[in-house]
């Protein structure tokens, strides 16, 4: 099923799946995982992602997370999307390349930004390092993220991977914001 938003403004990536909407219990679980260092849910999250993204995972040659900036990684001490990707690859044959895509610069936090501001914020923020260009060429890539808010970040990531030669990019996440008033992620 294609959403009205995707029909009106088609994304760069081929397909996207999310386990749930970003509200209620799911929002609390993700916040605890991401901001309160509560990792006991990682196995459960991995199972949910495996179930929800089965088709996308089966098709993938490479699984990679949305990268964090170095400063954010240092302050948080982990990349939540990389942990989720790792949980998936424990049960699947696809190659796990956690650094096939990197951030080239630190971006402003996306919290409180409009869709247009988020898009502008991430323009040129990602690249595929030269050492990984051959790994990306003609590969089906599955990009893992924790929350899809407006899609600006995953679109920028997908654009970068496609420009580097990926045959297509699909996206799998724990949650998707469906209520734009809840864009404070």
C-alpha atoms as a PDB file:
ATOM      1  CA  UNK A   1       0.000   0.000   0.000  1.00  0.00           C
ATOM      2  CA  UNK A   2       1.339   3.421  -0.932  1.00  0.00           C
ATOM      3  CA  UNK A   3       0.528   6.346   1.332  1.00  0.00           C
ATOM      4  CA  UNK A   4      -0.968   9.567   0.003  1.00  0.00           C
ATOM      5  CA  UNK A   5       2.162  11.408   1.157  1.00  0.00           C
ATOM      6  CA  UNK A   6       4.386   9.048  -0.868  1.00  0.00           C
ATOM      7  CA  UNK A   7       2.177   9.500  -3.925  1.00  0.00           C
ATOM      8  CA  UNK A   8       2.287  13.285  -3.628  1.00  0.00           C
ATOM      9  CA  UNK A   9       6.038  13.438  -2.970  1.00  0.00           C
ATOM     10  CA  UNK A  10       7.687  10.127  -3.946  1.00  0.00           C
ATOM     11  CA  UNK A  11      10.705   9.126  -1.866  1.00  0.00           C
ATOM     12  CA  UNK A  12      14.081   8.199  -3.328  1.00  0.00           C
ATOM     13  CA  UNK A  13      14.067   4.781  -1.655  1.00  0.00           C
ATOM     14  CA  UNK A  14      12.092   1.905  -3.158  1.00  0.00           C
ATOM     15  CA  UNK A  15      10.102   0.581  -0.174  1.00  0.00           C
ATOM     16  CA  UNK A  16       9.801   1.357   3.518  1.00  0.00           C
ATOM     17  CA  UNK A  17       8.339  -0.659   6.366  1.00  0.00           C
ATOM     18  CA  UNK A  18       7.847   0.246  10.010  1.00  0.00           C
ATOM     19  CA  UNK A  19       6.902  -2.038  12.878  1.00  0.00           C
ATOM     20  CA  UNK A  20       4.449   0.465  14.395  1.00  0.00           C
ATOM     21  CA  UNK A  21       3.318   4.039  14.634  1.00  0.00           C
ATOM     22  CA  UNK A  22       5.453   6.293  16.786  1.00  0.00           C
ATOM     23  CA  UNK A  23       3.154   6.817  19.736  1.00  0.00           C
ATOM     24  CA  UNK A  24       2.088   5.322  23.045  1.00  0.00           C
ATOM     25  CA  UNK A  25       4.065   2.342  24.276  1.00  0.00           C
ATOM     26  CA  UNK A  26       6.264   2.151  21.173  1.00  0.00           C
ATOM     27  CA  UNK A  27       7.356   5.753  21.615  1.00  0.00           C
ATOM     28  CA  UNK A  28       8.240   5.091  25.265  1.00  0.00           C
ATOM     29  CA  UNK A  29      10.167   1.911  24.397  1.00  0.00           C
ATOM     30  CA  UNK A  30      12.173   3.694  21.700  1.00  0.00           C
ATOM     31  CA  UNK A  31      12.873   6.704  23.930  1.00  0.00           C
ATOM     32  CA  UNK A  32      14.082   4.421  26.717  1.00  0.00           C
ATOM     33  CA  UNK A  33      16.305   2.538  24.268  1.00  0.00           C
ATOM     34  CA  UNK A  34      17.683   5.665  22.616  1.00  0.00           C
ATOM     35  CA  UNK A  35      17.945   8.194  25.430  1.00  0.00           C
ATOM     36  CA  UNK A  36      17.952   6.192  28.674  1.00  0.00           C
ATOM     37  CA  UNK A  37      20.389   3.469  27.631  1.00  0.00           C
ATOM     38  CA  UNK A  38      17.762   0.729  28.069  1.00  0.00           C
ATOM     39  CA  UNK A  39      18.997  -2.022  25.766  1.00  0.00           C
ATOM     40  CA  UNK A  40      17.038  -4.952  27.141  1.00  0.00           C
ATOM     41  CA  UNK A  41      14.499  -4.425  24.343  1.00  0.00           C
ATOM     42  CA  UNK A  42      17.015  -4.856  21.529  1.00  0.00           C
ATOM     43  CA  UNK A  43      16.265  -8.566  21.010  1.00  0.00           C
ATOM     44  CA  UNK A  44      12.522  -7.903  20.969  1.00  0.00           C
ATOM     45  CA  UNK A  45      13.032  -5.008  18.543  1.00  0.00           C
ATOM     46  CA  UNK A  46      15.116  -7.301  16.356  1.00  0.00           C
ATOM     47  CA  UNK A  47      12.338  -9.909  16.253  1.00  0.00           C
ATOM     48  CA  UNK A  48       9.755  -7.286  15.371  1.00  0.00           C
ATOM     49  CA  UNK A  49      11.960  -5.939  12.588  1.00  0.00           C
ATOM     50  CA  UNK A  50      12.584  -9.456  11.245  1.00  0.00           C
ATOM     51  CA  UNK A  51       8.851 -10.118  11.132  1.00  0.00           C
ATOM     52  CA  UNK A  52       7.841  -6.744   9.662  1.00  0.00           C
ATOM     53  CA  UNK A  53      10.675  -6.516   7.158  1.00  0.00           C
ATOM     54  CA  UNK A  54      10.947 -10.170   6.152  1.00  0.00           C
ATOM     55  CA  UNK A  55      10.520  -9.474   2.426  1.00  0.00           C
ATOM     56  CA  UNK A  56      12.975  -6.549   2.465  1.00  0.00           C
ATOM     57  CA  UNK A  57      15.532  -8.493   4.500  1.00  0.00           C
ATOM     58  CA  UNK A  58      15.329 -11.489   2.146  1.00  0.00           C
ATOM     59  CA  UNK A  59      16.063  -9.263  -0.845  1.00  0.00           C
ATOM     60  CA  UNK A  60      18.943  -7.340   0.749  1.00  0.00           C
ATOM     61  CA  UNK A  61      22.586  -7.874  -0.153  1.00  0.00           C
ATOM     62  CA  UNK A  62      23.747  -5.328   2.437  1.00  0.00           C
ATOM     63  CA  UNK A  63      22.217  -4.091   5.674  1.00  0.00           C
ATOM     64  CA  UNK A  64      23.435  -0.754   7.007  1.00  0.00           C
ATOM     65  CA  UNK A  65      22.253   1.694   9.671  1.00  0.00           C
ATOM     66  CA  UNK A  66      21.575   5.386   9.364  1.00  0.00           C
ATOM     67  CA  UNK A  67      24.856   6.836  10.653  1.00  0.00           C
ATOM     68  CA  UNK A  68      25.253   9.267  13.530  1.00  0.00           C
ATOM     69  CA  UNK A  69      27.708  12.141  13.579  1.00  0.00           C
ATOM     70  CA  UNK A  70      30.919  11.411  15.496  1.00  0.00           C
ATOM     71  CA  UNK A  71      29.970  13.868  18.214  1.00  0.00           C
ATOM     72  CA  UNK A  72      26.503  12.370  18.684  1.00  0.00           C
ATOM     73  CA  UNK A  73      28.006   8.877  18.712  1.00  0.00           C
ATOM     74  CA  UNK A  74      30.511   9.937  21.366  1.00  0.00           C
ATOM     75  CA  UNK A  75      27.857  11.542  23.540  1.00  0.00           C
ATOM     76  CA  UNK A  76      25.359   8.682  23.209  1.00  0.00           C
ATOM     77  CA  UNK A  77      28.042   5.942  23.121  1.00  0.00           C
ATOM     78  CA  UNK A  78      26.049   3.870  20.613  1.00  0.00           C
ATOM     79  CA  UNK A  79      24.180   4.124  17.340  1.00  0.00           C
ATOM     80  CA  UNK A  80      20.701   2.757  17.994  1.00  0.00           C
ATOM     81  CA  UNK A  81      20.169   2.039  14.292  1.00  0.00           C
ATOM     82  CA  UNK A  82      23.406   0.026  14.171  1.00  0.00           C
ATOM     83  CA  UNK A  83      22.257  -2.037  17.161  1.00  0.00           C
ATOM     84  CA  UNK A  84      18.965  -2.754  15.393  1.00  0.00           C
ATOM     85  CA  UNK A  85      20.775  -3.684  12.163  1.00  0.00           C
ATOM     86  CA  UNK A  86      23.065  -5.991  14.119  1.00  0.00           C
ATOM     87  CA  UNK A  87      20.064  -7.754  15.666  1.00  0.00           C
ATOM     88  CA  UNK A  88      18.673  -8.394  12.185  1.00  0.00           C
ATOM     89  CA  UNK A  89      21.944  -9.711  10.750  1.00  0.00           C
ATOM     90  CA  UNK A  90      22.253 -12.243  13.577  1.00  0.00           C
ATOM     91  CA  UNK A  91      19.414 -14.076  11.827  1.00  0.00           C
ATOM     92  CA  UNK A  92      20.073 -13.334   8.177  1.00  0.00           C
ATOM     93  CA  UNK A  93      22.796 -13.878   5.584  1.00  0.00           C
ATOM     94  CA  UNK A  94      23.024 -10.287   4.305  1.00  0.00           C
ATOM     95  CA  UNK A  95      26.315  -8.489   4.795  1.00  0.00           C
ATOM     96  CA  UNK A  96      26.351  -6.019   7.673  1.00  0.00           C
ATOM     97  CA  UNK A  97      28.317  -2.910   6.740  1.00  0.00           C
ATOM     98  CA  UNK A  98      27.874  -0.432   9.591  1.00  0.00           C
ATOM     99  CA  UNK A  99      30.178   2.159   7.982  1.00  0.00           C
ATOM    100  CA  UNK A 100      29.281   1.892   4.318  1.00  0.00           C
ATOM    101  CA  UNK A 101      27.516   5.215   4.791  1.00  0.00           C
ATOM    102  CA  UNK A 102      28.974   7.980   6.958  1.00  0.00           C
ATOM    103  CA  UNK A 103      27.994  11.475   8.019  1.00  0.00           C
ATOM    104  CA  UNK A 104      30.195  14.121   6.487  1.00  0.00           C
ATOM    105  CA  UNK A 105      29.133  16.819   8.900  1.00  0.00           C
ATOM    106  CA  UNK A 106      27.191  17.362  12.056  1.00  0.00           C
ATOM    107  CA  UNK A 107      23.611  18.455  11.424  1.00  0.00           C
ATOM    108  CA  UNK A 108      21.287  20.412  13.662  1.00  0.00           C
ATOM    109  CA  UNK A 109      18.981  18.240  15.771  1.00  0.00           C
ATOM    110  CA  UNK A 110      15.830  17.580  13.728  1.00  0.00           C
ATOM    111  CA  UNK A 111      13.486  18.054  16.704  1.00  0.00           C
ATOM    112  CA  UNK A 112      11.036  20.852  16.007  1.00  0.00           C
ATOM    113  CA  UNK A 113      12.067  21.327  12.369  1.00  0.00           C
ATOM    114  CA  UNK A 114       9.498  21.310   9.580  1.00  0.00           C
ATOM    115  CA  UNK A 115       9.693  18.806   6.722  1.00  0.00           C
ATOM    116  CA  UNK A 116      11.386  21.388   4.477  1.00  0.00           C
ATOM    117  CA  UNK A 117      13.844  22.394   7.202  1.00  0.00           C
ATOM    118  CA  UNK A 118      14.691  18.732   7.850  1.00  0.00           C
ATOM    119  CA  UNK A 119      15.386  18.143   4.159  1.00  0.00           C
ATOM    120  CA  UNK A 120      17.629  21.190   3.969  1.00  0.00           C
ATOM    121  CA  UNK A 121      19.383  20.169   7.189  1.00  0.00           C
ATOM    122  CA  UNK A 122      20.546  16.809   5.792  1.00  0.00           C
ATOM    123  CA  UNK A 123      21.476  17.839   2.236  1.00  0.00           C
ATOM    124  CA  UNK A 124      25.049  16.688   1.631  1.00  0.00           C
ATOM    125  CA  UNK A 125      25.351  15.238   5.138  1.00  0.00           C
ATOM    126  CA  UNK A 126      26.157  11.676   4.014  1.00  0.00           C
ATOM    127  CA  UNK A 127      28.673   9.922   1.786  1.00  0.00           C
ATOM    128  CA  UNK A 128      29.924   6.478   0.894  1.00  0.00           C
ATOM    129  CA  UNK A 129      33.670   6.344   1.649  1.00  0.00           C
ATOM    130  CA  UNK A 130      35.847   5.555  -1.388  1.00  0.00           C
ATOM    131  CA  UNK A 131      36.913   2.249   0.171  1.00  0.00           C
ATOM    132  CA  UNK A 132      33.260   1.086   0.094  1.00  0.00           C
ATOM    133  CA  UNK A 133      32.240   2.243  -3.397  1.00  0.00           C
ATOM    134  CA  UNK A 134      32.843  -1.217  -4.887  1.00  0.00           C
ATOM    135  CA  UNK A 135      30.846  -2.809  -2.053  1.00  0.00           C
ATOM    136  CA  UNK A 136      27.825  -0.637  -2.884  1.00  0.00           C
ATOM    137  CA  UNK A 137      27.859  -0.993  -6.677  1.00  0.00           C
ATOM    138  CA  UNK A 138      24.830  -2.948  -7.962  1.00  0.00           C
ATOM    139  CA  UNK A 139      23.835  -4.020  -4.437  1.00  0.00           C
ATOM    140  CA  UNK A 140      20.365  -4.105  -2.890  1.00  0.00           C
ATOM    141  CA  UNK A 141      20.719  -2.150   0.325  1.00  0.00           C
ATOM    142  CA  UNK A 142      18.479  -2.224   3.360  1.00  0.00           C
ATOM    143  CA  UNK A 143      18.807   0.919   5.449  1.00  0.00           C
ATOM    144  CA  UNK A 144      17.854   0.585   9.115  1.00  0.00           C
ATOM    145  CA  UNK A 145      16.550   3.476  11.212  1.00  0.00           C
ATOM    146  CA  UNK A 146      14.796   3.690  14.561  1.00  0.00           C
ATOM    147  CA  UNK A 147      12.115   6.249  13.668  1.00  0.00           C
ATOM    148  CA  UNK A 148      10.987   7.649  10.336  1.00  0.00           C
ATOM    149  CA  UNK A 149       9.638  11.124  10.990  1.00  0.00           C
ATOM    150  CA  UNK A 150       9.377  13.024   7.698  1.00  0.00           C
ATOM    151  CA  UNK A 151      11.660  10.718   5.716  1.00  0.00           C
ATOM    152  CA  UNK A 152      14.205  13.481   5.082  1.00  0.00           C
ATOM    153  CA  UNK A 153      17.127  11.600   6.637  1.00  0.00           C
ATOM    154  CA  UNK A 154      16.426   8.260   4.992  1.00  0.00           C
ATOM    155  CA  UNK A 155      15.809   9.993   1.674  1.00  0.00           C
ATOM    156  CA  UNK A 156      19.203  11.734   1.916  1.00  0.00           C
ATOM    157  CA  UNK A 157      20.849   8.417   2.836  1.00  0.00           C
ATOM    158  CA  UNK A 158      19.124   6.572  -0.019  1.00  0.00           C
ATOM    159  CA  UNK A 159      20.069   9.306  -2.500  1.00  0.00           C
ATOM    160  CA  UNK A 160      23.723   8.989  -1.453  1.00  0.00           C
ATOM    161  CA  UNK A 161      23.707   5.183  -1.738  1.00  0.00           C
ATOM    162  CA  UNK A 162      22.019   5.277  -5.155  1.00  0.00           C
ATOM    163  CA  UNK A 163      24.472   7.902  -6.396  1.00  0.00           C
ATOM    164  CA  UNK A 164      27.273   5.547  -5.294  1.00  0.00           C
ATOM    165  CA  UNK A 165      25.795   2.797  -7.491  1.00  0.00           C
ATOM    166  CA  UNK A 166      23.366   0.796  -5.325  1.00  0.00           C
ATOM    167  CA  UNK A 167      20.709  -0.925  -7.431  1.00  0.00           C
ATOM    168  CA  UNK A 168      18.021   0.067  -4.935  1.00  0.00           C
ATOM    169  CA  UNK A 169      17.544   1.076  -1.310  1.00  0.00           C
ATOM    170  CA  UNK A 170      14.782  -0.132   0.993  1.00  0.00           C
ATOM    171  CA  UNK A 171      14.163   1.109   4.528  1.00  0.00           C
ATOM    172  CA  UNK A 172      13.145  -0.708   7.701  1.00  0.00           C
ATOM    173  CA  UNK A 173      12.418   1.041  10.990  1.00  0.00           C
ATOM    174  CA  UNK A 174      10.841   0.438  14.355  1.00  0.00           C
ATOM    175  CA  UNK A 175       8.345   3.248  14.015  1.00  0.00           C
ATOM    176  CA  UNK A 176       6.935   5.862  11.717  1.00  0.00           C
ATOM    177  CA  UNK A 177       5.484   9.178  12.771  1.00  0.00           C
ATOM    178  CA  UNK A 178       1.950   9.356  11.413  1.00  0.00           C
ATOM    179  CA  UNK A 179       0.884  12.416  13.380  1.00  0.00           C
ATOM    180  CA  UNK A 180       2.905  15.428  12.277  1.00  0.00           C
ATOM    181  CA  UNK A 181       2.062  17.161  15.561  1.00  0.00           C
ATOM    182  CA  UNK A 182       4.239  14.471  17.210  1.00  0.00           C
ATOM    183  CA  UNK A 183       7.382  15.409  15.243  1.00  0.00           C
ATOM    184  CA  UNK A 184       9.381  16.018  18.421  1.00  0.00           C
ATOM    185  CA  UNK A 185      11.644  12.966  17.913  1.00  0.00           C
END
